[in-house]
Amino acid sequence: MRTTLMICLLAGAACKDDKPAPAPAPDPTPVEPTPAAKPLPPKPKHLTEAELGTCHLTASGAVTADQTTPGGRAAANISYWMSEADQKKMMGVDGFVINCIGSDIRFQLVPGGGKKDGMPFKPKKYDFEKGKGDANLMIAFGKTTLATPSGSIDITSFDSHHIAGSIELAGKLTPGGGDEKLTGNFDLACAGFSACDK
């Protein structure tokens, strides 16, 4: 027994119980998780000239011309392709403007303002009788105009990606009074407006 005691005295801690030391008490302060980094919004896609679409027009009669103009913001300005905040900055009514403007033919389809749903966000056939319809038309060939055309513009596809349709109009030129016919088609992409289909 004395030998064991001597060994314990000489060895010091070696004779203590071999139990592991107790773990430190957990810190009661709650640890806030590190906030995850928010993903950056996707960059708007810049469409190529080919992806923006075109407008093709053919004039026959007293004036003859064949013209193709490019798409882009100037060609298709459409309230439905804008956020509510951007729409509030606009003047006028909901609707759209189609501009096919070249050196030979200037064609514009603009809101008529007569009815709230005159130019809805969906396909629709717009009929015109002597220039009157649910939209307004402005058509010129140099210094002459097709002032009161009759016929139709058929919007066959209209969504947050593009607007497409065909044109069949006829009437008399002013001045001059010659008979004129305008036909064509367009397919114009939403060019970076705030509510475009990305």
N, C-alpha and C. Protein backbone atom coordinates (compact mmCIF):
# COMPACT_ATOMS: atom_id res chain seq x y z
N MET A 1 0.84 -1.21 0.00
CA MET A 1 0.00 0.00 0.00
C MET A 1 0.86 1.24 0.00
N ARG A 2 1.95 1.24 0.85
CA ARG A 2 2.86 2.38 0.88
C ARG A 2 3.53 2.54 -0.45
N THR A 3 3.84 1.41 -1.12
CA THR A 3 4.49 1.48 -2.44
C THR A 3 3.57 2.15 -3.44
N THR A 4 2.29 1.75 -3.42
CA THR A 4 1.32 2.35 -4.33
C THR A 4 1.19 3.82 -4.07
N LEU A 5 1.15 4.22 -2.82
CA LEU A 5 1.02 5.63 -2.47
C LEU A 5 2.23 6.41 -2.94
N MET A 6 3.40 5.83 -2.79
CA MET A 6 4.62 6.51 -3.24
C MET A 6 4.59 6.69 -4.76
N ILE A 7 4.17 5.69 -5.46
CA ILE A 7 4.12 5.78 -6.93
C ILE A 7 3.15 6.87 -7.33
N CYS A 8 2.02 6.93 -6.64
CA CYS A 8 1.01 7.94 -6.96
C CYS A 8 1.56 9.33 -6.68
N LEU A 9 2.30 9.47 -5.57
CA LEU A 9 2.85 10.79 -5.25
C LEU A 9 3.86 11.22 -6.28
N LEU A 10 4.70 10.28 -6.70
CA LEU A 10 5.72 10.60 -7.69
C LEU A 10 5.09 10.87 -9.08
N ALA A 11 4.11 10.10 -9.44
CA ALA A 11 3.50 10.25 -10.77
C ALA A 11 2.51 11.40 -10.83
N GLY A 12 2.09 11.92 -9.72
CA GLY A 12 1.15 13.05 -9.69
C GLY A 12 -0.19 12.66 -10.27
N ALA A 13 -0.54 13.28 -11.36
CA ALA A 13 -1.88 13.14 -11.95
C ALA A 13 -2.13 11.78 -12.53
N ALA A 14 -1.10 10.97 -12.68
CA ALA A 14 -1.30 9.67 -13.32
C ALA A 14 -2.21 8.77 -12.52
N CYS A 15 -2.37 8.97 -11.21
CA CYS A 15 -3.21 8.11 -10.40
C CYS A 15 -4.63 8.63 -10.28
N LYS A 16 -4.95 9.75 -10.88
CA LYS A 16 -6.33 10.25 -10.82
C LYS A 16 -7.22 9.38 -11.70
N ASP A 17 -8.51 9.52 -11.53
CA ASP A 17 -9.44 8.75 -12.36
C ASP A 17 -9.20 9.08 -13.82
N ASP A 18 -9.28 8.10 -14.67
CA ASP A 18 -9.07 8.32 -16.11
C ASP A 18 -10.34 8.79 -16.81
N LYS A 19 -11.22 9.50 -16.15
CA LYS A 19 -12.45 10.01 -16.76
C LYS A 19 -12.10 11.23 -17.61
N PRO A 20 -12.73 11.38 -18.79
CA PRO A 20 -12.45 12.56 -19.62
C PRO A 20 -12.99 13.83 -18.95
N ALA A 21 -12.33 14.94 -19.25
CA ALA A 21 -12.77 16.22 -18.69
C ALA A 21 -14.15 16.56 -19.26
N PRO A 22 -15.04 17.18 -18.47
CA PRO A 22 -16.38 17.50 -18.98
C PRO A 22 -16.30 18.54 -20.10
N ALA A 23 -17.21 18.41 -21.09
CA ALA A 23 -17.25 19.36 -22.22
C ALA A 23 -17.71 20.72 -21.71
N PRO A 24 -17.19 21.82 -22.31
CA PRO A 24 -17.63 23.14 -21.87
C PRO A 24 -19.11 23.35 -22.20
N ALA A 25 -19.78 24.10 -21.36
CA ALA A 25 -21.21 24.37 -21.57
C ALA A 25 -21.39 25.18 -22.86
N PRO A 26 -22.45 24.89 -23.63
CA PRO A 26 -22.66 25.65 -24.88
C PRO A 26 -22.96 27.11 -24.59
N ASP A 27 -22.51 27.98 -25.51
CA ASP A 27 -22.75 29.43 -25.39
C ASP A 27 -24.23 29.69 -25.63
N PRO A 28 -24.93 30.32 -24.66
CA PRO A 28 -26.38 30.53 -24.84
C PRO A 28 -26.72 31.60 -25.89
N THR A 29 -25.73 32.36 -26.36
CA THR A 29 -26.00 33.41 -27.34
C THR A 29 -26.34 32.77 -28.68
N PRO A 30 -27.53 33.09 -29.25
CA PRO A 30 -27.90 32.47 -30.55
C PRO A 30 -26.99 32.99 -31.66
N VAL A 31 -26.63 32.09 -32.54
CA VAL A 31 -25.78 32.45 -33.69
C VAL A 31 -26.67 32.69 -34.88
N GLU A 32 -26.62 33.92 -35.44
CA GLU A 32 -27.44 34.23 -36.61
C GLU A 32 -26.77 33.65 -37.84
N PRO A 33 -27.58 32.99 -38.69
CA PRO A 33 -26.97 32.43 -39.91
C PRO A 33 -26.52 33.55 -40.85
N THR A 34 -25.47 33.29 -41.55
CA THR A 34 -24.98 34.25 -42.54
C THR A 34 -25.98 34.32 -43.68
N PRO A 35 -26.47 35.54 -44.01
CA PRO A 35 -27.46 35.61 -45.09
C PRO A 35 -26.86 35.15 -46.42
N ALA A 36 -27.67 34.36 -47.13
CA ALA A 36 -27.20 33.87 -48.43
C ALA A 36 -27.17 35.04 -49.42
N ALA A 37 -26.18 35.04 -50.25
CA ALA A 37 -26.06 36.11 -51.25
C ALA A 37 -27.21 35.99 -52.24
N LYS A 38 -27.88 37.13 -52.52
CA LYS A 38 -29.00 37.12 -53.46
C LYS A 38 -28.45 36.99 -54.88
N PRO A 39 -29.07 36.13 -55.68
CA PRO A 39 -28.59 36.02 -57.07
C PRO A 39 -28.84 37.31 -57.83
N LEU A 40 -27.93 37.65 -58.67
CA LEU A 40 -28.09 38.85 -59.49
C LEU A 40 -29.20 38.63 -60.50
N PRO A 41 -30.01 39.68 -60.80
CA PRO A 41 -31.05 39.51 -61.82
C PRO A 41 -30.40 39.24 -63.17
N PRO A 42 -31.07 38.43 -64.00
CA PRO A 42 -30.47 38.13 -65.30
C PRO A 42 -30.36 39.40 -66.15
N LYS A 43 -29.28 39.47 -66.88
CA LYS A 43 -29.10 40.62 -67.77
C LYS A 43 -30.09 40.51 -68.93
N PRO A 44 -30.68 41.64 -69.34
CA PRO A 44 -31.60 41.56 -70.48
C PRO A 44 -30.87 41.10 -71.73
N LYS A 45 -31.53 40.26 -72.46
CA LYS A 45 -30.91 39.73 -73.67
C LYS A 45 -30.98 40.78 -74.77
N HIS A 46 -29.85 41.03 -75.40
CA HIS A 46 -29.83 41.95 -76.53
C HIS A 46 -30.04 41.12 -77.80
N LEU A 47 -31.16 41.38 -78.46
CA LEU A 47 -31.50 40.62 -79.65
C LEU A 47 -30.67 41.09 -80.84
N THR A 48 -30.35 40.15 -81.70
CA THR A 48 -29.66 40.51 -82.93
C THR A 48 -30.65 41.18 -83.88
N GLU A 49 -30.14 41.79 -84.93
CA GLU A 49 -31.02 42.45 -85.89
C GLU A 49 -32.00 41.45 -86.49
N ALA A 50 -31.53 40.24 -86.77
CA ALA A 50 -32.42 39.23 -87.33
C ALA A 50 -33.51 38.83 -86.34
N GLU A 51 -33.16 38.75 -85.04
CA GLU A 51 -34.14 38.35 -84.03
C GLU A 51 -35.19 39.44 -83.77
N LEU A 52 -34.88 40.69 -84.08
CA LEU A 52 -35.83 41.78 -83.86
C LEU A 52 -37.00 41.73 -84.84
N GLY A 53 -36.84 41.03 -85.95
CA GLY A 53 -37.92 40.88 -86.91
C GLY A 53 -37.90 41.94 -88.00
N THR A 54 -38.90 41.87 -88.87
CA THR A 54 -38.99 42.79 -90.00
C THR A 54 -40.45 43.12 -90.31
N CYS A 55 -40.61 44.13 -91.14
CA CYS A 55 -41.91 44.49 -91.70
C CYS A 55 -41.71 44.59 -93.21
N HIS A 56 -42.48 43.83 -93.97
CA HIS A 56 -42.37 43.82 -95.42
C HIS A 56 -43.65 44.37 -96.04
N LEU A 57 -43.52 45.39 -96.88
CA LEU A 57 -44.68 46.03 -97.52
C LEU A 57 -44.51 46.05 -99.03
N THR A 58 -45.64 45.89 -99.73
CA THR A 58 -45.65 46.00 -101.18
C THR A 58 -46.77 46.95 -101.58
N ALA A 59 -46.42 47.99 -102.33
CA ALA A 59 -47.40 48.95 -102.85
C ALA A 59 -47.58 48.71 -104.34
N SER A 60 -48.84 48.71 -104.78
CA SER A 60 -49.12 48.52 -106.20
C SER A 60 -50.26 49.45 -106.61
N GLY A 61 -50.20 49.92 -107.85
CA GLY A 61 -51.20 50.86 -108.34
C GLY A 61 -50.52 52.10 -108.88
N ALA A 62 -51.01 53.26 -108.50
CA ALA A 62 -50.42 54.51 -108.96
C ALA A 62 -48.97 54.65 -108.49
N VAL A 63 -48.65 54.08 -107.33
CA VAL A 63 -47.27 54.03 -106.82
C VAL A 63 -46.90 52.57 -106.63
N THR A 64 -45.71 52.19 -107.08
CA THR A 64 -45.23 50.83 -106.87
C THR A 64 -43.96 50.87 -106.03
N ALA A 65 -43.89 49.98 -105.08
CA ALA A 65 -42.71 49.90 -104.21
C ALA A 65 -42.73 48.57 -103.46
N ASP A 66 -41.55 48.10 -103.12
CA ASP A 66 -41.40 46.90 -102.31
C ASP A 66 -40.35 47.23 -101.25
N GLN A 67 -40.73 47.10 -99.99
CA GLN A 67 -39.86 47.60 -98.92
C GLN A 67 -39.86 46.67 -97.72
N THR A 68 -38.67 46.45 -97.16
CA THR A 68 -38.52 45.70 -95.92
C THR A 68 -37.77 46.57 -94.92
N THR A 69 -38.35 46.75 -93.75
CA THR A 69 -37.72 47.56 -92.71
C THR A 69 -37.49 46.70 -91.46
N PRO A 70 -36.47 47.05 -90.65
CA PRO A 70 -36.13 46.22 -89.49
C PRO A 70 -37.04 46.46 -88.31
N GLY A 71 -37.03 45.50 -87.37
CA GLY A 71 -37.74 45.64 -86.11
C GLY A 71 -36.92 46.45 -85.14
N GLY A 72 -37.37 46.48 -83.88
CA GLY A 72 -36.70 47.26 -82.84
C GLY A 72 -37.71 48.12 -82.11
N ARG A 73 -37.23 48.90 -81.15
CA ARG A 73 -38.14 49.74 -80.34
C ARG A 73 -38.91 50.73 -81.18
N ALA A 74 -38.27 51.27 -82.21
CA ALA A 74 -38.97 52.26 -83.05
C ALA A 74 -40.06 51.60 -83.89
N ALA A 75 -39.92 50.31 -84.18
CA ALA A 75 -40.88 49.61 -85.04
C ALA A 75 -42.11 49.12 -84.27
N ALA A 76 -41.93 48.74 -83.02
CA ALA A 76 -43.05 48.20 -82.22
C ALA A 76 -42.99 48.79 -80.82
N ASN A 77 -43.85 49.76 -80.56
CA ASN A 77 -43.92 50.42 -79.26
C ASN A 77 -45.25 50.02 -78.64
N ILE A 78 -45.20 49.17 -77.62
CA ILE A 78 -46.41 48.50 -77.15
C ILE A 78 -46.54 48.63 -75.64
N SER A 79 -47.66 49.19 -75.19
CA SER A 79 -47.84 49.41 -73.75
C SER A 79 -47.83 48.11 -72.97
N TYR A 80 -48.33 47.02 -73.56
CA TYR A 80 -48.40 45.74 -72.87
C TYR A 80 -47.01 45.13 -72.63
N TRP A 81 -46.00 45.66 -73.28
CA TRP A 81 -44.64 45.17 -73.08
C TRP A 81 -43.91 45.98 -72.00
N MET A 82 -44.65 46.79 -71.26
CA MET A 82 -44.05 47.63 -70.22
C MET A 82 -44.64 47.30 -68.86
N SER A 83 -43.85 47.50 -67.80
CA SER A 83 -44.33 47.30 -66.44
C SER A 83 -45.39 48.36 -66.12
N GLU A 84 -46.14 48.12 -65.04
CA GLU A 84 -47.18 49.10 -64.65
C GLU A 84 -46.56 50.46 -64.39
N ALA A 85 -45.39 50.47 -63.75
CA ALA A 85 -44.72 51.75 -63.45
C ALA A 85 -44.37 52.49 -64.73
N ASP A 86 -43.88 51.75 -65.73
CA ASP A 86 -43.52 52.39 -67.01
C ASP A 86 -44.77 52.84 -67.77
N GLN A 87 -45.86 52.07 -67.66
CA GLN A 87 -47.09 52.45 -68.34
C GLN A 87 -47.64 53.76 -67.80
N LYS A 88 -47.47 53.99 -66.48
CA LYS A 88 -47.99 55.22 -65.88
C LYS A 88 -47.27 56.46 -66.41
N LYS A 89 -46.06 56.28 -66.89
CA LYS A 89 -45.29 57.41 -67.43
C LYS A 89 -45.73 57.77 -68.85
N MET A 90 -46.48 56.86 -69.48
CA MET A 90 -46.91 57.09 -70.85
C MET A 90 -48.17 57.94 -70.90
N MET A 91 -48.32 58.62 -71.99
CA MET A 91 -49.57 59.35 -72.23
C MET A 91 -50.41 58.52 -73.20
N GLY A 92 -51.70 58.65 -73.11
CA GLY A 92 -52.56 57.95 -74.04
C GLY A 92 -53.18 56.72 -73.44
N VAL A 93 -53.67 55.83 -74.31
CA VAL A 93 -54.40 54.64 -73.88
C VAL A 93 -53.56 53.40 -74.13
N ASP A 94 -53.99 52.29 -73.50
CA ASP A 94 -53.32 51.01 -73.77
C ASP A 94 -53.48 50.66 -75.24
N GLY A 95 -52.46 50.07 -75.76
CA GLY A 95 -52.50 49.68 -77.17
C GLY A 95 -51.10 49.53 -77.70
N PHE A 96 -50.96 49.73 -78.99
CA PHE A 96 -49.65 49.56 -79.60
C PHE A 96 -49.50 50.42 -80.84
N VAL A 97 -48.23 50.64 -81.17
CA VAL A 97 -47.88 51.38 -82.39
C VAL A 97 -46.99 50.47 -83.22
N ILE A 98 -47.34 50.32 -84.48
CA ILE A 98 -46.49 49.60 -85.44
C ILE A 98 -46.00 50.61 -86.45
N ASN A 99 -44.70 50.73 -86.57
CA ASN A 99 -44.08 51.65 -87.53
C ASN A 99 -43.26 50.86 -88.54
N CYS A 100 -43.63 50.95 -89.79
CA CYS A 100 -42.83 50.37 -90.87
C CYS A 100 -42.45 51.55 -91.76
N ILE A 101 -41.35 52.18 -91.44
CA ILE A 101 -40.99 53.44 -92.08
C ILE A 101 -39.69 53.29 -92.85
N GLY A 102 -39.80 53.47 -94.16
CA GLY A 102 -38.63 53.40 -95.03
C GLY A 102 -38.61 54.56 -96.00
N SER A 103 -37.73 54.49 -96.96
CA SER A 103 -37.58 55.59 -97.90
C SER A 103 -38.75 55.68 -98.89
N ASP A 104 -39.44 54.57 -99.18
CA ASP A 104 -40.53 54.57 -100.16
C ASP A 104 -41.93 54.59 -99.53
N ILE A 105 -42.06 53.91 -98.38
CA ILE A 105 -43.38 53.77 -97.75
C ILE A 105 -43.26 54.10 -96.27
N ARG A 106 -44.23 54.88 -95.78
CA ARG A 106 -44.35 55.14 -94.34
C ARG A 106 -45.71 54.58 -93.89
N PHE A 107 -45.65 53.53 -93.10
CA PHE A 107 -46.87 52.90 -92.59
C PHE A 107 -46.86 52.98 -91.06
N GLN A 108 -47.96 53.49 -90.50
CA GLN A 108 -48.09 53.55 -89.05
C GLN A 108 -49.50 53.13 -88.63
N LEU A 109 -49.55 52.23 -87.68
CA LEU A 109 -50.80 51.80 -87.04
C LEU A 109 -50.71 52.28 -85.60
N VAL A 110 -51.63 53.15 -85.18
CA VAL A 110 -51.57 53.74 -83.84
C VAL A 110 -52.93 53.61 -83.15
N PRO A 111 -52.96 53.73 -81.81
CA PRO A 111 -54.24 53.60 -81.10
C PRO A 111 -55.25 54.65 -81.56
N GLY A 112 -56.50 54.22 -81.63
CA GLY A 112 -57.56 55.13 -82.01
C GLY A 112 -58.11 55.92 -80.83
N GLY A 113 -58.02 55.35 -79.64
CA GLY A 113 -58.49 56.04 -78.44
C GLY A 113 -60.00 56.03 -78.25
N GLY A 114 -60.74 55.36 -79.13
CA GLY A 114 -62.19 55.36 -79.02
C GLY A 114 -62.72 54.44 -77.94
N LYS A 115 -62.14 53.23 -77.84
CA LYS A 115 -62.62 52.25 -76.87
C LYS A 115 -61.46 51.79 -76.01
N LYS A 116 -61.74 51.53 -74.74
CA LYS A 116 -60.68 51.08 -73.82
C LYS A 116 -60.04 49.79 -74.30
N ASP A 117 -60.86 48.88 -74.82
CA ASP A 117 -60.33 47.59 -75.29
C ASP A 117 -60.22 47.56 -76.81
N GLY A 118 -60.06 48.73 -77.43
CA GLY A 118 -59.97 48.78 -78.89
C GLY A 118 -58.77 48.04 -79.44
N MET A 119 -57.67 48.04 -78.68
CA MET A 119 -56.46 47.33 -79.11
C MET A 119 -56.04 46.38 -77.98
N PRO A 120 -56.70 45.24 -77.84
CA PRO A 120 -56.42 44.33 -76.73
C PRO A 120 -55.10 43.59 -76.90
N PHE A 121 -54.63 43.01 -75.80
CA PHE A 121 -53.38 42.24 -75.79
C PHE A 121 -53.68 40.79 -76.22
N LYS A 122 -54.08 40.65 -77.46
CA LYS A 122 -54.38 39.33 -78.02
C LYS A 122 -54.58 39.48 -79.53
N PRO A 123 -54.55 38.39 -80.28
CA PRO A 123 -54.80 38.49 -81.72
C PRO A 123 -56.18 39.09 -82.00
N LYS A 124 -56.24 39.88 -83.05
CA LYS A 124 -57.50 40.50 -83.44
C LYS A 124 -57.39 40.98 -84.88
N LYS A 125 -58.49 40.90 -85.60
CA LYS A 125 -58.53 41.44 -86.96
C LYS A 125 -59.13 42.84 -86.90
N TYR A 126 -58.36 43.82 -87.38
CA TYR A 126 -58.80 45.21 -87.38
C TYR A 126 -59.32 45.56 -88.78
N ASP A 127 -60.61 45.79 -88.88
CA ASP A 127 -61.22 46.15 -90.16
C ASP A 127 -61.34 47.66 -90.28
N PHE A 128 -61.10 48.16 -91.49
CA PHE A 128 -61.17 49.60 -91.75
C PHE A 128 -62.11 49.86 -92.92
N GLU A 129 -62.93 50.86 -92.76
CA GLU A 129 -63.83 51.30 -93.83
C GLU A 129 -63.59 52.79 -94.02
N LYS A 130 -63.00 53.13 -95.16
CA LYS A 130 -62.65 54.53 -95.46
C LYS A 130 -61.87 55.18 -94.32
N GLY A 131 -60.89 54.43 -93.83
CA GLY A 131 -59.98 54.94 -92.80
C GLY A 131 -60.46 54.82 -91.38
N LYS A 132 -61.70 54.39 -91.18
CA LYS A 132 -62.23 54.32 -89.82
C LYS A 132 -62.22 52.89 -89.30
N GLY A 133 -61.81 52.74 -88.03
CA GLY A 133 -61.76 51.43 -87.38
C GLY A 133 -61.37 51.59 -85.92
N ASP A 134 -60.96 50.50 -85.28
CA ASP A 134 -60.57 50.54 -83.87
C ASP A 134 -59.16 51.08 -83.65
N ALA A 135 -58.50 51.45 -84.72
CA ALA A 135 -57.17 52.05 -84.65
C ALA A 135 -57.08 53.11 -85.73
N ASN A 136 -55.99 53.84 -85.72
CA ASN A 136 -55.76 54.86 -86.76
C ASN A 136 -54.61 54.44 -87.66
N LEU A 137 -54.73 54.81 -88.92
CA LEU A 137 -53.69 54.50 -89.91
C LEU A 137 -53.10 55.79 -90.48
N MET A 138 -51.80 55.76 -90.69
CA MET A 138 -51.12 56.85 -91.41
C MET A 138 -50.22 56.19 -92.44
N ILE A 139 -50.53 56.42 -93.72
CA ILE A 139 -49.79 55.77 -94.81
C ILE A 139 -49.41 56.82 -95.83
N ALA A 140 -48.12 56.84 -96.16
CA ALA A 140 -47.64 57.83 -97.13
C ALA A 140 -46.62 57.21 -98.06
N PHE A 141 -46.61 57.74 -99.28
CA PHE A 141 -45.62 57.38 -100.30
C PHE A 141 -45.01 58.71 -100.76
N GLY A 142 -43.92 59.09 -100.14
CA GLY A 142 -43.37 60.41 -100.46
C GLY A 142 -44.33 61.50 -100.01
N LYS A 143 -44.77 62.33 -100.96
CA LYS A 143 -45.67 63.44 -100.62
C LYS A 143 -47.14 63.10 -100.80
N THR A 144 -47.44 61.89 -101.21
CA THR A 144 -48.84 61.46 -101.35
C THR A 144 -49.22 60.55 -100.19
N THR A 145 -50.50 60.55 -99.86
CA THR A 145 -50.97 59.70 -98.75
C THR A 145 -52.13 58.83 -99.20
N LEU A 146 -52.27 57.72 -98.51
CA LEU A 146 -53.44 56.85 -98.67
C LEU A 146 -54.36 57.24 -97.51
N ALA A 147 -55.15 58.28 -97.74
CA ALA A 147 -55.83 58.97 -96.64
C ALA A 147 -56.97 58.19 -96.00
N THR A 148 -57.79 57.52 -96.78
CA THR A 148 -58.95 56.82 -96.22
C THR A 148 -59.00 55.38 -96.73
N PRO A 149 -58.05 54.55 -96.33
CA PRO A 149 -58.01 53.19 -96.84
C PRO A 149 -59.09 52.29 -96.25
N SER A 150 -59.46 51.30 -97.01
CA SER A 150 -60.36 50.25 -96.53
C SER A 150 -59.63 48.92 -96.62
N GLY A 151 -60.02 48.00 -95.77
CA GLY A 151 -59.38 46.69 -95.76
C GLY A 151 -59.19 46.22 -94.33
N SER A 152 -58.08 45.53 -94.07
CA SER A 152 -57.87 44.98 -92.74
C SER A 152 -56.40 44.82 -92.40
N ILE A 153 -56.15 44.80 -91.11
CA ILE A 153 -54.85 44.40 -90.56
C ILE A 153 -55.17 43.28 -89.58
N ASP A 154 -54.63 42.12 -89.84
CA ASP A 154 -54.95 40.93 -89.05
C ASP A 154 -53.77 40.62 -88.13
N ILE A 155 -53.94 40.88 -86.83
CA ILE A 155 -52.91 40.53 -85.85
C ILE A 155 -53.09 39.06 -85.52
N THR A 156 -52.20 38.23 -86.01
CA THR A 156 -52.34 36.78 -85.88
C THR A 156 -51.65 36.21 -84.66
N SER A 157 -50.67 36.93 -84.11
CA SER A 157 -49.96 36.48 -82.91
C SER A 157 -49.54 37.70 -82.11
N PHE A 158 -49.80 37.67 -80.79
CA PHE A 158 -49.50 38.82 -79.96
C PHE A 158 -49.30 38.35 -78.53
N ASP A 159 -48.06 38.41 -78.04
CA ASP A 159 -47.77 38.01 -76.67
C ASP A 159 -46.60 38.85 -76.16
N SER A 160 -45.99 38.44 -75.05
CA SER A 160 -44.91 39.24 -74.47
C SER A 160 -43.57 39.00 -75.17
N HIS A 161 -43.60 38.24 -76.24
CA HIS A 161 -42.38 38.00 -77.03
C HIS A 161 -42.40 38.73 -78.37
N HIS A 162 -43.56 38.73 -79.05
CA HIS A 162 -43.62 39.37 -80.37
C HIS A 162 -45.05 39.71 -80.76
N ILE A 163 -45.15 40.48 -81.86
CA ILE A 163 -46.44 40.77 -82.48
C ILE A 163 -46.28 40.51 -83.97
N ALA A 164 -47.25 39.81 -84.55
CA ALA A 164 -47.16 39.46 -85.97
C ALA A 164 -48.52 39.62 -86.62
N GLY A 165 -48.52 39.95 -87.89
CA GLY A 165 -49.78 40.10 -88.60
C GLY A 165 -49.60 40.38 -90.07
N SER A 166 -50.72 40.57 -90.75
CA SER A 166 -50.71 40.83 -92.19
C SER A 166 -51.52 42.09 -92.48
N ILE A 167 -51.23 42.70 -93.64
CA ILE A 167 -51.84 43.98 -94.03
C ILE A 167 -52.47 43.82 -95.41
N GLU A 168 -53.73 44.23 -95.54
CA GLU A 168 -54.46 44.25 -96.83
C GLU A 168 -55.30 45.51 -96.87
N LEU A 169 -54.80 46.56 -97.53
CA LEU A 169 -55.50 47.84 -97.57
C LEU A 169 -55.53 48.39 -98.98
N ALA A 170 -56.56 49.16 -99.29
CA ALA A 170 -56.66 49.78 -100.61
C ALA A 170 -57.43 51.09 -100.48
N GLY A 171 -57.16 51.99 -101.41
CA GLY A 171 -57.86 53.28 -101.41
C GLY A 171 -57.31 54.17 -102.51
N LYS A 172 -57.56 55.46 -102.38
CA LYS A 172 -57.11 56.42 -103.39
C LYS A 172 -56.06 57.35 -102.79
N LEU A 173 -55.12 57.73 -103.62
CA LEU A 173 -54.06 58.62 -103.17
C LEU A 173 -54.52 60.07 -103.12
N THR A 174 -53.94 60.80 -102.19
CA THR A 174 -54.18 62.24 -102.07
C THR A 174 -52.83 62.94 -101.97
N PRO A 175 -52.54 63.89 -102.87
CA PRO A 175 -53.34 64.32 -104.03
C PRO A 175 -53.18 63.33 -105.19
N GLY A 176 -53.96 63.52 -106.20
CA GLY A 176 -53.87 62.71 -107.41
C GLY A 176 -55.05 61.82 -107.64
N GLY A 177 -55.53 61.15 -106.59
CA GLY A 177 -56.71 60.31 -106.72
C GLY A 177 -56.48 58.96 -107.36
N GLY A 178 -55.22 58.56 -107.58
CA GLY A 178 -54.97 57.25 -108.18
C GLY A 178 -55.27 56.11 -107.22
N ASP A 179 -55.67 54.97 -107.80
CA ASP A 179 -55.95 53.79 -106.98
C ASP A 179 -54.64 53.21 -106.44
N GLU A 180 -54.68 52.77 -105.19
CA GLU A 180 -53.47 52.22 -104.56
C GLU A 180 -53.83 51.06 -103.66
N LYS A 181 -52.96 50.07 -103.65
CA LYS A 181 -53.14 48.90 -102.79
C LYS A 181 -51.86 48.70 -101.99
N LEU A 182 -52.01 48.40 -100.71
CA LEU A 182 -50.86 48.13 -99.84
C LEU A 182 -51.06 46.78 -99.16
N THR A 183 -50.12 45.88 -99.36
CA THR A 183 -50.17 44.57 -98.71
C THR A 183 -48.85 44.35 -97.98
N GLY A 184 -48.85 43.42 -97.07
CA GLY A 184 -47.60 43.12 -96.37
C GLY A 184 -47.80 42.27 -95.16
N ASN A 185 -46.71 42.08 -94.44
CA ASN A 185 -46.74 41.32 -93.19
C ASN A 185 -45.61 41.78 -92.29
N PHE A 186 -45.75 41.53 -91.02
CA PHE A 186 -44.73 41.91 -90.06
C PHE A 186 -44.67 40.88 -88.94
N ASP A 187 -43.49 40.75 -88.38
CA ASP A 187 -43.26 39.93 -87.19
C ASP A 187 -42.17 40.65 -86.41
N LEU A 188 -42.55 41.33 -85.34
CA LEU A 188 -41.66 42.24 -84.62
C LEU A 188 -41.51 41.78 -83.17
N ALA A 189 -40.26 41.63 -82.73
CA ALA A 189 -39.99 41.12 -81.38
C ALA A 189 -40.03 42.24 -80.35
N CYS A 190 -40.33 41.86 -79.11
CA CYS A 190 -40.27 42.79 -77.98
C CYS A 190 -38.80 43.10 -77.71
N ALA A 191 -38.43 44.35 -77.92
CA ALA A 191 -37.00 44.73 -77.91
C ALA A 191 -36.59 45.34 -76.58
N GLY A 192 -36.52 44.54 -75.54
CA GLY A 192 -35.98 44.98 -74.26
C GLY A 192 -36.87 45.84 -73.41
N PHE A 193 -38.18 45.88 -73.67
CA PHE A 193 -39.07 46.61 -72.78
C PHE A 193 -39.18 45.87 -71.45
N SER A 194 -39.66 46.57 -70.41
CA SER A 194 -39.58 46.03 -69.05
C SER A 194 -40.42 44.79 -68.80
N ALA A 195 -41.43 44.52 -69.60
CA ALA A 195 -42.26 43.32 -69.40
C ALA A 195 -42.11 42.32 -70.54
N CYS A 196 -41.00 42.40 -71.26
CA CYS A 196 -40.75 41.43 -72.34
C CYS A 196 -40.60 40.03 -71.75
N ASP A 197 -40.94 39.04 -72.54
CA ASP A 197 -40.68 37.64 -72.19
C ASP A 197 -39.19 37.44 -72.37
N LYS A 198 -38.47 37.22 -71.25
CA LYS A 198 -37.00 37.12 -71.29
C LYS A 198 -36.58 35.83 -71.93
